Amino acid sequence: MKPVEIYTSPMCGFCHAAKRLLKDKGVNFSEINVWSNPSRKPEMIQRANGGRTVPQIFVGDVHVGGCDDLYALERAGKLDALLAA
Protein backbone atom coordinates (compact mmCIF):
# COMPACT_ATOMS: atom_id res chain seq x y z
CA MET A 1 0.00 0.00 0.00
CA LYS A 2 1.25 3.47 -0.87
CA PRO A 3 2.02 5.88 1.98
CA VAL A 4 -0.79 8.29 2.74
CA GLU A 5 -0.23 11.77 4.16
CA ILE A 6 -2.96 14.14 5.28
CA TYR A 7 -2.49 17.77 6.29
CA THR A 8 -5.05 18.68 8.94
CA SER A 9 -6.09 21.03 11.70
CA PRO A 10 -7.84 19.91 14.90
CA MET A 11 -11.12 21.82 14.48
CA CYS A 12 -11.74 20.80 10.89
CA GLY A 13 -14.79 18.59 10.40
CA PHE A 14 -13.70 17.66 6.88
CA CYS A 15 -10.34 16.52 8.27
CA HIS A 16 -12.10 14.27 10.78
CA ALA A 17 -14.35 12.84 8.04
CA ALA A 18 -11.39 12.10 5.76
CA LYS A 19 -9.45 10.43 8.58
CA ARG A 20 -12.54 8.40 9.53
CA LEU A 21 -12.86 7.05 5.97
CA LEU A 22 -9.19 6.10 5.87
CA LYS A 23 -9.39 4.44 9.29
CA ASP A 24 -12.57 2.55 8.31
CA LYS A 25 -10.67 1.20 5.29
CA GLY A 26 -7.75 0.14 7.50
CA VAL A 27 -5.38 2.65 5.89
CA ASN A 28 -2.42 3.83 7.94
CA PHE A 29 -1.62 7.48 7.33
CA SER A 30 0.72 10.19 8.50
CA GLU A 31 -1.04 13.26 9.83
CA ILE A 32 0.59 16.67 9.61
CA ASN A 33 -1.21 19.14 11.84
CA VAL A 34 -0.65 22.59 10.33
CA TRP A 35 -2.36 24.25 13.30
CA SER A 36 0.21 23.06 15.82
CA ASN A 37 3.04 23.04 13.28
CA PRO A 38 2.45 26.13 11.09
CA SER A 39 5.91 25.88 9.53
CA ARG A 40 4.57 22.92 7.50
CA LYS A 41 1.75 24.95 5.88
CA PRO A 42 3.95 26.43 3.07
CA GLU A 43 5.05 22.88 2.26
CA MET A 44 1.40 21.81 2.07
CA ILE A 45 0.50 24.73 -0.20
CA GLN A 46 3.38 23.95 -2.54
CA ARG A 47 2.63 20.23 -2.70
CA ALA A 48 -1.09 20.93 -3.19
CA ASN A 49 -0.45 23.28 -6.12
CA GLY A 50 -1.69 26.29 -4.17
CA GLY A 51 -4.32 24.53 -2.05
CA ARG A 52 -4.57 26.41 1.24
CA THR A 53 -7.43 24.62 2.96
CA VAL A 54 -7.29 21.45 5.00
CA PRO A 55 -7.40 18.60 4.57
CA GLN A 56 -4.94 18.12 1.75
CA ILE A 57 -4.50 14.42 1.08
CA PHE A 58 -1.68 12.65 -0.72
CA VAL A 59 -1.42 9.00 -1.71
CA GLY A 60 2.19 8.37 -2.61
CA ASP A 61 3.08 11.22 -4.95
CA VAL A 62 -0.54 11.75 -6.05
CA HIS A 63 -2.38 14.78 -4.70
CA VAL A 64 -5.91 13.53 -4.08
CA GLY A 65 -7.23 16.90 -2.93
CA GLY A 66 -9.58 17.40 -0.02
CA CYS A 67 -12.22 15.40 1.79
CA ASP A 68 -14.82 15.68 -0.98
CA ASP A 69 -12.26 14.44 -3.50
CA LEU A 70 -11.37 11.47 -1.28
CA TYR A 71 -15.03 10.49 -0.89
CA ALA A 72 -15.60 10.92 -4.64
CA LEU A 73 -12.79 8.45 -5.34
CA GLU A 74 -14.37 6.01 -2.87
CA ARG A 75 -17.84 6.37 -4.44
CA ALA A 76 -16.36 5.83 -7.90
CA GLY A 77 -14.61 2.67 -6.72
CA LYS A 78 -11.18 4.12 -7.49
CA LEU A 79 -9.72 4.70 -4.03
CA ASP A 80 -8.69 1.10 -3.35
CA ALA A 81 -6.82 0.90 -6.66
CA LEU A 82 -5.04 4.18 -5.97
CA LEU A 83 -3.99 3.00 -2.51
CA ALA A 84 -2.76 -0.35 -3.82
CA ALA A 85 -1.02 0.84 -7.00
C-alpha atoms as a PDB file:
ATOM      1  CA  MET A   1       0.000   0.000   0.000  1.00  0.00           C
ATOM      2  CA  LYS A   2       1.255   3.472  -0.868  1.00  0.00           C
ATOM      3  CA  PRO A   3       2.023   5.878   1.979  1.00  0.00           C
ATOM      4  CA  VAL A   4      -0.791   8.295   2.743  1.00  0.00           C
ATOM      5  CA  GLU A   5      -0.235  11.768   4.161  1.00  0.00           C
ATOM      6  CA  ILE A   6      -2.961  14.136   5.277  1.00  0.00           C
ATOM      7  CA  TYR A   7      -2.491  17.770   6.291  1.00  0.00           C
ATOM      8  CA  THR A   8      -5.054  18.683   8.938  1.00  0.00           C
ATOM      9  CA  SER A   9      -6.090  21.027  11.700  1.00  0.00           C
ATOM     10  CA  PRO A  10      -7.842  19.908  14.904  1.00  0.00           C
ATOM     11  CA  MET A  11     -11.120  21.824  14.481  1.00  0.00           C
ATOM     12  CA  CYS A  12     -11.739  20.798  10.885  1.00  0.00           C
ATOM     13  CA  GLY A  13     -14.791  18.587  10.402  1.00  0.00           C
ATOM     14  CA  PHE A  14     -13.703  17.662   6.879  1.00  0.00           C
ATOM     15  CA  CYS A  15     -10.341  16.516   8.271  1.00  0.00           C
ATOM     16  CA  HIS A  16     -12.098  14.274  10.779  1.00  0.00           C
ATOM     17  CA  ALA A  17     -14.347  12.841   8.045  1.00  0.00           C
ATOM     18  CA  ALA A  18     -11.387  12.098   5.756  1.00  0.00           C
ATOM     19  CA  LYS A  19      -9.451  10.431   8.579  1.00  0.00           C
ATOM     20  CA  ARG A  20     -12.535   8.401   9.529  1.00  0.00           C
ATOM     21  CA  LEU A  21     -12.860   7.051   5.967  1.00  0.00           C
ATOM     22  CA  LEU A  22      -9.192   6.100   5.865  1.00  0.00           C
ATOM     23  CA  LYS A  23      -9.394   4.441   9.292  1.00  0.00           C
ATOM     24  CA  ASP A  24     -12.565   2.546   8.307  1.00  0.00           C
ATOM     25  CA  LYS A  25     -10.675   1.198   5.287  1.00  0.00           C
ATOM     26  CA  GLY A  26      -7.747   0.144   7.502  1.00  0.00           C
ATOM     27  CA  VAL A  27      -5.384   2.651   5.887  1.00  0.00           C
ATOM     28  CA  ASN A  28      -2.421   3.831   7.936  1.00  0.00           C
ATOM     29  CA  PHE A  29      -1.619   7.477   7.325  1.00  0.00           C
ATOM     30  CA  SER A  30       0.724  10.190   8.496  1.00  0.00           C
ATOM     31  CA  GLU A  31      -1.039  13.259   9.835  1.00  0.00           C
ATOM     32  CA  ILE A  32       0.588  16.672   9.607  1.00  0.00           C
ATOM     33  CA  ASN A  33      -1.212  19.143  11.841  1.00  0.00           C
ATOM     34  CA  VAL A  34      -0.649  22.586  10.329  1.00  0.00           C
ATOM     35  CA  TRP A  35      -2.358  24.249  13.298  1.00  0.00           C
ATOM     36  CA  SER A  36       0.213  23.064  15.825  1.00  0.00           C
ATOM     37  CA  ASN A  37       3.038  23.039  13.279  1.00  0.00           C
ATOM     38  CA  PRO A  38       2.454  26.130  11.085  1.00  0.00           C
ATOM     39  CA  SER A  39       5.913  25.878   9.533  1.00  0.00           C
ATOM     40  CA  ARG A  40       4.567  22.918   7.499  1.00  0.00           C
ATOM     41  CA  LYS A  41       1.754  24.949   5.876  1.00  0.00           C
ATOM     42  CA  PRO A  42       3.946  26.434   3.072  1.00  0.00           C
ATOM     43  CA  GLU A  43       5.048  22.877   2.264  1.00  0.00           C
ATOM     44  CA  MET A  44       1.404  21.806   2.069  1.00  0.00           C
ATOM     45  CA  ILE A  45       0.501  24.730  -0.195  1.00  0.00           C
ATOM     46  CA  GLN A  46       3.382  23.950  -2.544  1.00  0.00           C
ATOM     47  CA  ARG A  47       2.630  20.230  -2.697  1.00  0.00           C
ATOM     48  CA  ALA A  48      -1.092  20.928  -3.191  1.00  0.00           C
ATOM     49  CA  ASN A  49      -0.454  23.285  -6.125  1.00  0.00           C
ATOM     50  CA  GLY A  50      -1.691  26.295  -4.168  1.00  0.00           C
ATOM     51  CA  GLY A  51      -4.315  24.530  -2.054  1.00  0.00           C
ATOM     52  CA  ARG A  52      -4.566  26.411   1.243  1.00  0.00           C
ATOM     53  CA  THR A  53      -7.435  24.621   2.962  1.00  0.00           C
ATOM     54  CA  VAL A  54      -7.288  21.445   5.000  1.00  0.00           C
ATOM     55  CA  PRO A  55      -7.399  18.602   4.568  1.00  0.00           C
ATOM     56  CA  GLN A  56      -4.938  18.124   1.752  1.00  0.00           C
ATOM     57  CA  ILE A  57      -4.504  14.421   1.079  1.00  0.00           C
ATOM     58  CA  PHE A  58      -1.679  12.651  -0.720  1.00  0.00           C
ATOM     59  CA  VAL A  59      -1.416   8.998  -1.706  1.00  0.00           C
ATOM     60  CA  GLY A  60       2.189   8.370  -2.609  1.00  0.00           C
ATOM     61  CA  ASP A  61       3.076  11.223  -4.951  1.00  0.00           C
ATOM     62  CA  VAL A  62      -0.542  11.746  -6.046  1.00  0.00           C
ATOM     63  CA  HIS A  63      -2.380  14.777  -4.697  1.00  0.00           C
ATOM     64  CA  VAL A  64      -5.907  13.527  -4.078  1.00  0.00           C
ATOM     65  CA  GLY A  65      -7.228  16.896  -2.932  1.00  0.00           C
ATOM     66  CA  GLY A  66      -9.578  17.401  -0.017  1.00  0.00           C
ATOM     67  CA  CYS A  67     -12.220  15.401   1.790  1.00  0.00           C
ATOM     68  CA  ASP A  68     -14.818  15.678  -0.984  1.00  0.00           C
ATOM     69  CA  ASP A  69     -12.258  14.437  -3.503  1.00  0.00           C
ATOM     70  CA  LEU A  70     -11.369  11.468  -1.280  1.00  0.00           C
ATOM     71  CA  TYR A  71     -15.027  10.490  -0.892  1.00  0.00           C
ATOM     72  CA  ALA A  72     -15.597  10.920  -4.644  1.00  0.00           C
ATOM     73  CA  LEU A  73     -12.790   8.446  -5.343  1.00  0.00           C
ATOM     74  CA  GLU A  74     -14.366   6.015  -2.870  1.00  0.00           C
ATOM     75  CA  ARG A  75     -17.842   6.367  -4.439  1.00  0.00           C
ATOM     76  CA  ALA A  76     -16.363   5.832  -7.900  1.00  0.00           C
ATOM     77  CA  GLY A  77     -14.612   2.666  -6.723  1.00  0.00           C
ATOM     78  CA  LYS A  78     -11.176   4.121  -7.490  1.00  0.00           C
ATOM     79  CA  LEU A  79      -9.725   4.701  -4.026  1.00  0.00           C
ATOM     80  CA  ASP A  80      -8.688   1.100  -3.347  1.00  0.00           C
ATOM     81  CA  ALA A  81      -6.824   0.898  -6.664  1.00  0.00           C
ATOM     82  CA  LEU A  82      -5.036   4.179  -5.968  1.00  0.00           C
ATOM     83  CA  LEU A  83      -3.993   2.998  -2.508  1.00  0.00           C
ATOM     84  CA  ALA A  84      -2.763  -0.350  -3.817  1.00  0.00           C
ATOM     85  CA  ALA A  85      -1.016   0.836  -6.999  1.00  0.00           C
END
